[in-house]
């Protein structure tokens, strides 16, 4: 059993976890809301260490990351559990459960699989990776030594201190901002907004490449004022060149609201483009918001159809038409 980081004792045998804003206070034998951190004998154990629920090779665009190593493939894996309780979770089968009967995988094995696959690196994804920060950090250190890239796909619901050591190991992140209303987070996700916004800024300030995803759910977070608020917040805090992915919702887990209409996403795209240089539409079929175009002259830099990518308008890291420097990181 791996002893967890980021906790302190309370009473004789209890602990308080300091990893995320839930700050779970656990008596002996009790497990946190994330389902993978358990108090035993006055210590906190990382039950999810090395337990992998799923793994495979994905296009980097599936994370989604559109401005980081476009057209590449990355070894991706997920564990179990989550520190939020979103009623619309797309991966609820692994985020709301944990299977501790599976054998543990060592960090060296994960990195070896990534290296042998010809992948550019490792994506920590599918469930919430940061609730298993000990395993992510151990893998990321070895991957960095092996000249592999590290990518986090996260809900961003984390405290500042625990991620200070891991962010220097991370090359790129996609972070969910589920709504710009705290009431939405409290009602539908069992969390709060402000820690997520704080983490987005912390990751950006640490020099990581950051892209944002906003899942738009009809009647819950599709108000145009909220969409404008998100775009403006991004512009003011992480810059207008930060990519925003507007994702279509489909009924999942506990939520049966009908799927997001494409028209709603395309309207949201238009609103966000007034503030941001790069906005994309995903998880639905739409011709809008697929390609990367030059903000200066509208030249198509990268064209996309699904996960098929063609780099057509870039010449030596600049727009091939007007010469503007592109906002894309190539490996």
Protein backbone atom coordinates (compact mmCIF):
# COMPACT_ATOMS: atom_id res chain seq x y z
CA UNK A 1 0.00 0.00 0.00
CA UNK A 2 1.30 3.44 -0.97
CA UNK A 3 1.13 6.18 1.65
CA UNK A 4 -0.54 9.28 0.23
CA UNK A 5 0.92 12.76 0.25
CA UNK A 6 -0.83 15.95 1.41
CA UNK A 7 -2.69 15.19 4.63
CA UNK A 8 -2.42 15.73 8.36
CA UNK A 9 -3.62 13.90 11.43
CA UNK A 10 -6.73 14.84 13.36
CA UNK A 11 -7.50 13.13 16.67
CA UNK A 12 -5.70 9.82 17.33
CA UNK A 13 -6.53 7.81 14.25
CA UNK A 14 -8.23 10.28 11.89
CA UNK A 15 -6.80 12.38 9.07
CA UNK A 16 -7.73 15.39 6.93
CA UNK A 17 -6.77 15.20 3.26
CA UNK A 18 -5.22 18.38 1.86
CA UNK A 19 -5.12 17.39 -1.82
CA UNK A 20 -8.32 18.97 -3.13
CA UNK A 21 -10.88 21.53 -1.95
CA UNK A 22 -13.12 18.77 -0.54
CA UNK A 23 -10.71 18.59 2.46
CA UNK A 24 -12.18 15.23 3.50
CA UNK A 25 -11.98 14.51 7.23
CA UNK A 26 -11.70 10.74 7.60
CA UNK A 27 -12.00 8.45 10.59
CA UNK A 28 -10.07 5.19 10.60
CA UNK A 29 -11.25 2.94 7.77
CA UNK A 30 -13.11 5.68 5.92
CA UNK A 31 -12.47 6.67 2.28
CA UNK A 32 -12.65 10.15 0.77
CA UNK A 33 -15.16 11.39 -1.78
CA UNK A 34 -12.64 10.55 -4.51
CA UNK A 35 -12.92 6.83 -3.56
CA UNK A 36 -9.15 6.27 -3.76
CA UNK A 37 -7.72 7.78 -0.54
CA UNK A 38 -8.40 5.90 2.71
CA UNK A 39 -7.52 6.48 6.35
CA UNK A 40 -5.88 3.48 7.97
CA UNK A 41 -4.32 3.54 11.42
CA UNK A 42 -3.88 7.30 11.48
CA UNK A 43 -2.34 7.54 7.99
CA UNK A 44 -3.77 8.25 4.55
CA UNK A 45 -3.27 5.55 1.91
CA UNK A 46 -3.33 6.13 -1.85
CA UNK A 47 -5.53 3.15 -2.75
CA UNK A 48 -5.56 4.00 -6.45
CA UNK A 49 -1.77 3.96 -6.87
CA UNK A 50 -0.94 1.99 -10.01
CA UNK A 51 -4.52 0.82 -10.62
CA UNK A 52 -5.34 1.39 -14.29
CA UNK A 53 -8.91 1.21 -15.58
CA UNK A 54 -8.14 1.76 -19.26
CA UNK A 55 -5.25 2.52 -21.58
CA UNK A 56 -4.56 3.00 -25.29
CA UNK A 57 -3.03 5.15 -28.00
CA UNK A 58 -5.10 8.24 -28.86
CA UNK A 59 -4.77 11.15 -31.28
CA UNK A 60 -3.64 14.18 -29.30
CA UNK A 61 -6.73 15.94 -30.68
CA UNK A 62 -8.93 13.58 -28.65
CA UNK A 63 -7.76 15.09 -25.31
CA UNK A 64 -8.71 17.62 -26.83
CA UNK A 65 -5.48 19.51 -27.59
CA UNK A 66 -5.43 21.33 -30.94
CA UNK A 67 -2.40 23.59 -30.44
CA UNK A 68 0.02 21.06 -28.99
CA UNK A 69 1.87 18.55 -31.21
CA UNK A 70 -0.95 18.47 -33.80
CA UNK A 71 -1.38 15.22 -35.68
CA UNK A 72 0.58 13.20 -33.13
CA UNK A 73 -0.50 10.19 -31.06
CA UNK A 74 -0.10 9.78 -27.32
CA UNK A 75 -0.25 6.86 -24.88
CA UNK A 76 -3.26 7.53 -22.66
CA UNK A 77 -4.38 5.87 -19.45
CA UNK A 78 -6.83 6.42 -16.64
CA UNK A 79 -7.37 5.15 -13.13
CA UNK A 80 -10.49 5.08 -10.97
CA UNK A 81 -12.52 7.64 -9.05
CA UNK A 82 -13.07 11.39 -9.11
CA UNK A 83 -13.26 14.21 -6.57
CA UNK A 84 -16.35 15.75 -8.23
CA UNK A 85 -19.78 14.16 -8.60
CA UNK A 86 -21.00 15.48 -11.94
CA UNK A 87 -24.45 14.11 -12.74
CA UNK A 88 -23.67 14.32 -16.46
CA UNK A 89 -20.30 12.52 -16.30
CA UNK A 90 -19.27 11.00 -19.63
CA UNK A 91 -16.91 8.50 -17.95
CA UNK A 92 -19.02 7.61 -14.92
CA UNK A 93 -18.26 3.88 -15.19
CA UNK A 94 -14.69 4.55 -14.01
CA UNK A 95 -15.02 7.93 -12.27
CA UNK A 96 -17.71 6.84 -9.83
CA UNK A 97 -16.22 3.44 -9.01
CA UNK A 98 -12.93 1.80 -8.07
CA UNK A 99 -11.82 -1.77 -8.69
CA UNK A 100 -9.09 -2.58 -6.18
CA UNK A 101 -8.93 -6.23 -7.30
CA UNK A 102 -6.82 -5.32 -10.32
CA UNK A 103 -3.07 -5.76 -10.11
CA UNK A 104 -0.90 -2.71 -9.67
CA UNK A 105 1.12 -1.29 -12.55
CA UNK A 106 4.49 0.26 -11.78
CA UNK A 107 5.41 3.70 -13.17
CA UNK A 108 8.29 2.12 -15.10
CA UNK A 109 5.83 -0.15 -16.90
CA UNK A 110 3.63 2.77 -17.95
CA UNK A 111 6.57 4.73 -19.34
CA UNK A 112 7.91 1.65 -21.11
CA UNK A 113 4.57 1.09 -22.85
CA UNK A 114 4.49 4.72 -23.96
CA UNK A 115 8.05 4.54 -25.28
CA UNK A 116 7.56 1.21 -27.07
CA UNK A 117 4.38 2.45 -28.75
CA UNK A 118 6.18 5.28 -30.52
CA UNK A 119 3.97 7.78 -28.68
CA UNK A 120 5.11 11.34 -28.03
CA UNK A 121 4.45 10.80 -24.34
CA UNK A 122 1.78 10.07 -21.74
CA UNK A 123 -1.68 11.55 -21.24
CA UNK A 124 -3.14 11.16 -17.76
CA UNK A 125 -6.83 11.14 -18.58
CA UNK A 126 -10.24 9.35 -18.66
CA UNK A 127 -10.90 9.72 -14.92
CA UNK A 128 -9.56 12.58 -12.77
CA UNK A 129 -5.79 11.99 -12.72
CA UNK A 130 -4.85 14.37 -9.92
CA UNK A 131 -6.63 12.35 -7.23
CA UNK A 132 -3.80 9.89 -7.90
CA UNK A 133 -1.15 12.59 -7.88
CA UNK A 134 1.48 10.28 -6.36
CA UNK A 135 1.33 7.88 -9.33
CA UNK A 136 1.11 10.67 -11.89
CA UNK A 137 4.18 12.37 -10.43
CA UNK A 138 6.19 9.15 -10.35
CA UNK A 139 5.31 8.40 -13.98
CA UNK A 140 5.91 11.98 -15.11
CA UNK A 141 9.40 12.10 -13.60
CA UNK A 142 10.48 8.96 -15.45
CA UNK A 143 8.80 10.11 -18.67
CA UNK A 144 10.63 13.45 -18.49
CA UNK A 145 13.94 11.61 -18.07
CA UNK A 146 13.05 9.52 -21.14
CA UNK A 147 12.35 12.71 -23.17
CA UNK A 148 8.63 11.91 -23.33
CA UNK A 149 5.93 14.56 -22.97
CA UNK A 150 3.41 14.69 -20.12
CA UNK A 151 -0.21 15.78 -20.67
CA UNK A 152 -2.93 16.24 -18.03
CA UNK A 153 -6.65 16.15 -18.80
CA UNK A 154 -8.23 17.35 -15.59
CA UNK A 155 -11.21 18.97 -13.91
CA UNK A 156 -8.77 21.33 -12.18
CA UNK A 157 -10.36 20.78 -8.77
CA UNK A 158 -7.15 20.78 -6.76
CA UNK A 159 -5.38 22.78 -4.06
CA UNK A 160 -2.44 25.04 -4.98
CA UNK A 161 0.34 23.52 -2.87
CA UNK A 162 0.04 19.88 -4.01
CA UNK A 163 0.54 20.76 -7.67
CA UNK A 164 3.56 23.04 -7.21
CA UNK A 165 5.95 20.14 -7.71
CA UNK A 166 4.09 18.40 -10.51
CA UNK A 167 3.36 21.33 -12.84
CA UNK A 168 7.04 21.71 -13.84
CA UNK A 169 6.80 18.13 -15.17
CA UNK A 170 3.67 18.81 -17.25
CA UNK A 171 3.94 20.05 -20.83
CA UNK A 172 0.27 20.59 -21.65
CA UNK A 173 -3.14 20.48 -20.02
CA UNK A 174 -6.76 20.45 -21.05
CA UNK A 175 -8.80 21.75 -18.13
CA UNK A 176 -12.58 21.63 -17.80
CA UNK A 177 -14.39 24.80 -16.84
CA UNK A 178 -17.89 23.44 -16.51
CA UNK A 179 -19.63 26.76 -15.90
CA UNK A 180 -18.85 30.29 -14.77
CA UNK A 181 -21.46 29.98 -12.02
CA UNK A 182 -20.58 28.54 -8.62
CA UNK A 183 -24.22 27.53 -8.19
CA UNK A 184 -23.82 25.18 -11.17
CA UNK A 185 -20.77 23.53 -9.60
CA UNK A 186 -22.51 23.14 -6.25
CA UNK A 187 -25.76 21.73 -7.66
CA UNK A 188 -24.53 19.51 -10.48
CA UNK A 189 -20.88 18.71 -9.64
CA UNK A 190 -20.73 18.78 -5.82
CA UNK A 191 -17.87 21.26 -5.96
CA UNK A 192 -17.00 24.95 -6.42
CA UNK A 193 -15.82 27.14 -9.29
CA UNK A 194 -13.10 29.29 -7.74
CA UNK A 195 -10.51 26.51 -7.16
CA UNK A 196 -10.79 25.54 -10.84
CA UNK A 197 -10.17 29.08 -12.07
CA UNK A 198 -7.27 29.38 -9.63
CA UNK A 199 -5.69 26.18 -10.98
CA UNK A 200 -6.09 27.28 -14.61
CA UNK A 201 -4.16 30.45 -13.84
CA UNK A 202 -1.57 28.54 -11.78
CA UNK A 203 -0.90 26.12 -14.66
CA UNK A 204 -0.64 28.96 -17.17
CA UNK A 205 1.68 30.97 -14.92
CA UNK A 206 3.86 27.86 -14.49
CA UNK A 207 4.55 27.92 -18.22
CA UNK A 208 2.37 24.98 -19.22
CA UNK A 209 0.41 24.96 -22.46
CA UNK A 210 -3.26 25.26 -21.45
CA UNK A 211 -6.45 24.59 -23.41
CA UNK A 212 -9.95 24.83 -21.94
CA UNK A 213 -13.05 22.69 -22.48
CA UNK A 214 -16.58 23.85 -21.71
CA UNK A 215 -19.32 21.21 -21.98
CA UNK A 216 -22.49 23.11 -22.86
CA UNK A 217 -25.65 21.60 -21.34
CA UNK A 218 -29.04 22.96 -22.48
CA UNK A 219 -30.86 25.05 -19.83
CA UNK A 220 -28.07 24.59 -17.25
CA UNK A 221 -25.00 26.47 -18.49
CA UNK A 222 -25.87 27.61 -22.02
CA UNK A 223 -26.84 31.17 -21.13
CA UNK A 224 -25.06 33.56 -23.50
CA UNK A 225 -23.99 35.78 -20.61
CA UNK A 226 -22.15 32.84 -19.03
CA UNK A 227 -20.49 31.93 -22.31
CA UNK A 228 -19.33 35.52 -22.78
CA UNK A 229 -18.11 35.59 -19.17
CA UNK A 230 -15.96 32.51 -19.79
CA UNK A 231 -14.40 33.93 -22.95
CA UNK A 232 -13.68 37.24 -21.26
CA UNK A 233 -12.19 35.53 -18.20
CA UNK A 234 -9.86 33.52 -20.41
CA UNK A 235 -8.77 36.63 -22.31
CA UNK A 236 -8.07 38.53 -19.10
CA UNK A 237 -6.28 35.68 -17.27
CA UNK A 238 -4.60 33.34 -19.76
CA UNK A 239 -4.68 35.39 -22.95
CA UNK A 240 -6.76 35.53 -26.12
CA UNK A 241 -4.53 32.92 -27.80
CA UNK A 242 -5.63 30.20 -25.34
CA UNK A 243 -7.78 27.65 -27.23
CA UNK A 244 -11.34 27.06 -26.06
CA UNK A 245 -13.21 23.84 -26.92
CA UNK A 246 -17.00 24.11 -26.80
CA UNK A 247 -18.23 20.55 -26.40
CA UNK A 248 -21.67 19.16 -27.12
CA UNK A 249 -23.39 17.37 -24.24
CA UNK A 250 -25.24 14.05 -24.64
CA UNK A 251 -27.37 12.36 -21.95
CA UNK A 252 -25.18 10.32 -19.60
CA UNK A 253 -25.14 8.90 -16.08
CA UNK A 254 -27.91 10.61 -14.04
CA UNK A 255 -28.87 13.30 -16.56
CA UNK A 256 -31.46 12.88 -19.31
CA UNK A 257 -31.69 16.43 -20.65
CA UNK A 258 -31.73 16.24 -24.49
CA UNK A 259 -28.44 16.69 -26.34
CA UNK A 260 -27.04 20.13 -27.10
CA UNK A 261 -28.35 21.58 -30.35
CA UNK A 262 -25.65 22.40 -32.89
CA UNK A 263 -27.12 25.88 -33.31
CA UNK A 264 -26.45 26.60 -29.63
CA UNK A 265 -22.80 25.62 -30.01
CA UNK A 266 -22.38 27.67 -33.18
CA UNK A 267 -23.88 30.72 -31.48
CA UNK A 268 -21.55 30.19 -28.52
CA UNK A 269 -18.67 29.95 -30.98
CA UNK A 270 -19.56 33.34 -32.47
CA UNK A 271 -19.75 34.94 -29.03
CA UNK A 272 -16.40 33.54 -27.91
CA UNK A 273 -14.64 34.50 -31.14
CA UNK A 274 -15.29 38.14 -30.26
CA UNK A 275 -12.80 37.67 -27.40
CA UNK A 276 -10.61 34.68 -28.29
CA UNK A 277 -8.46 33.93 -31.31
CA UNK A 278 -9.08 30.19 -31.28
CA UNK A 279 -12.45 28.57 -30.56
CA UNK A 280 -13.46 25.03 -31.50
CA UNK A 281 -16.63 22.95 -31.50
CA UNK A 282 -16.49 19.29 -30.56
CA UNK A 283 -18.57 16.19 -29.81
CA UNK A 284 -21.11 17.10 -32.54
CA UNK A 285 -21.10 17.31 -36.33
CA UNK A 286 -20.52 20.89 -37.44
CA UNK A 287 -18.41 22.51 -40.13
CA UNK A 288 -17.93 25.50 -37.82
CA UNK A 289 -15.02 25.55 -35.40
CA UNK A 290 -12.98 22.67 -36.77
CA UNK A 291 -10.03 24.31 -38.49
CA UNK A 292 -7.28 26.47 -37.01
CA UNK A 293 -7.16 29.75 -38.90
CA UNK A 294 -4.76 32.67 -38.69
CA UNK A 295 -6.25 35.43 -36.51
CA UNK A 296 -4.62 38.03 -38.77
CA UNK A 297 -5.63 36.97 -42.29
CA UNK A 298 -8.02 34.01 -41.79
CA UNK A 299 -5.73 31.65 -43.70
CA UNK A 300 -6.37 27.98 -42.80
CA UNK A 301 -3.33 26.78 -40.86
CA UNK A 302 -4.60 23.33 -39.89
CA UNK A 303 -7.66 21.60 -41.34
CA UNK A 304 -9.50 18.86 -39.45
CA UNK A 305 -12.11 16.27 -40.20
CA UNK A 306 -12.75 14.24 -37.09
CA UNK A 307 -9.30 13.27 -35.86
CA UNK A 308 -7.79 13.55 -39.34
CA UNK A 309 -5.39 16.49 -39.41
CA UNK A 310 -3.73 18.29 -42.31
CA UNK A 311 -1.16 21.02 -41.66
CA UNK A 312 -1.53 23.15 -44.77
CA UNK A 313 -0.93 26.84 -44.10
CA UNK A 314 2.19 26.98 -41.90
CA UNK A 315 5.64 27.95 -43.12
CA UNK A 316 8.52 27.82 -40.59
CA UNK A 317 6.25 28.45 -37.55
CA UNK A 318 4.47 31.32 -39.28
CA UNK A 319 1.30 31.78 -41.29
CA UNK A 320 2.18 30.91 -44.88
CA UNK A 321 0.06 33.81 -46.15
CA UNK A 322 0.71 36.85 -43.91
CA UNK A 323 3.77 35.74 -41.92
CA UNK A 324 2.17 36.06 -38.47
CA UNK A 325 3.82 33.82 -35.88
CA UNK A 326 1.52 30.90 -35.07
CA UNK A 327 0.28 30.01 -31.57
CA UNK A 328 0.96 26.28 -31.89
CA UNK A 329 3.55 24.09 -30.17
CA UNK A 330 5.17 21.43 -32.34
CA UNK A 331 7.18 18.64 -30.75
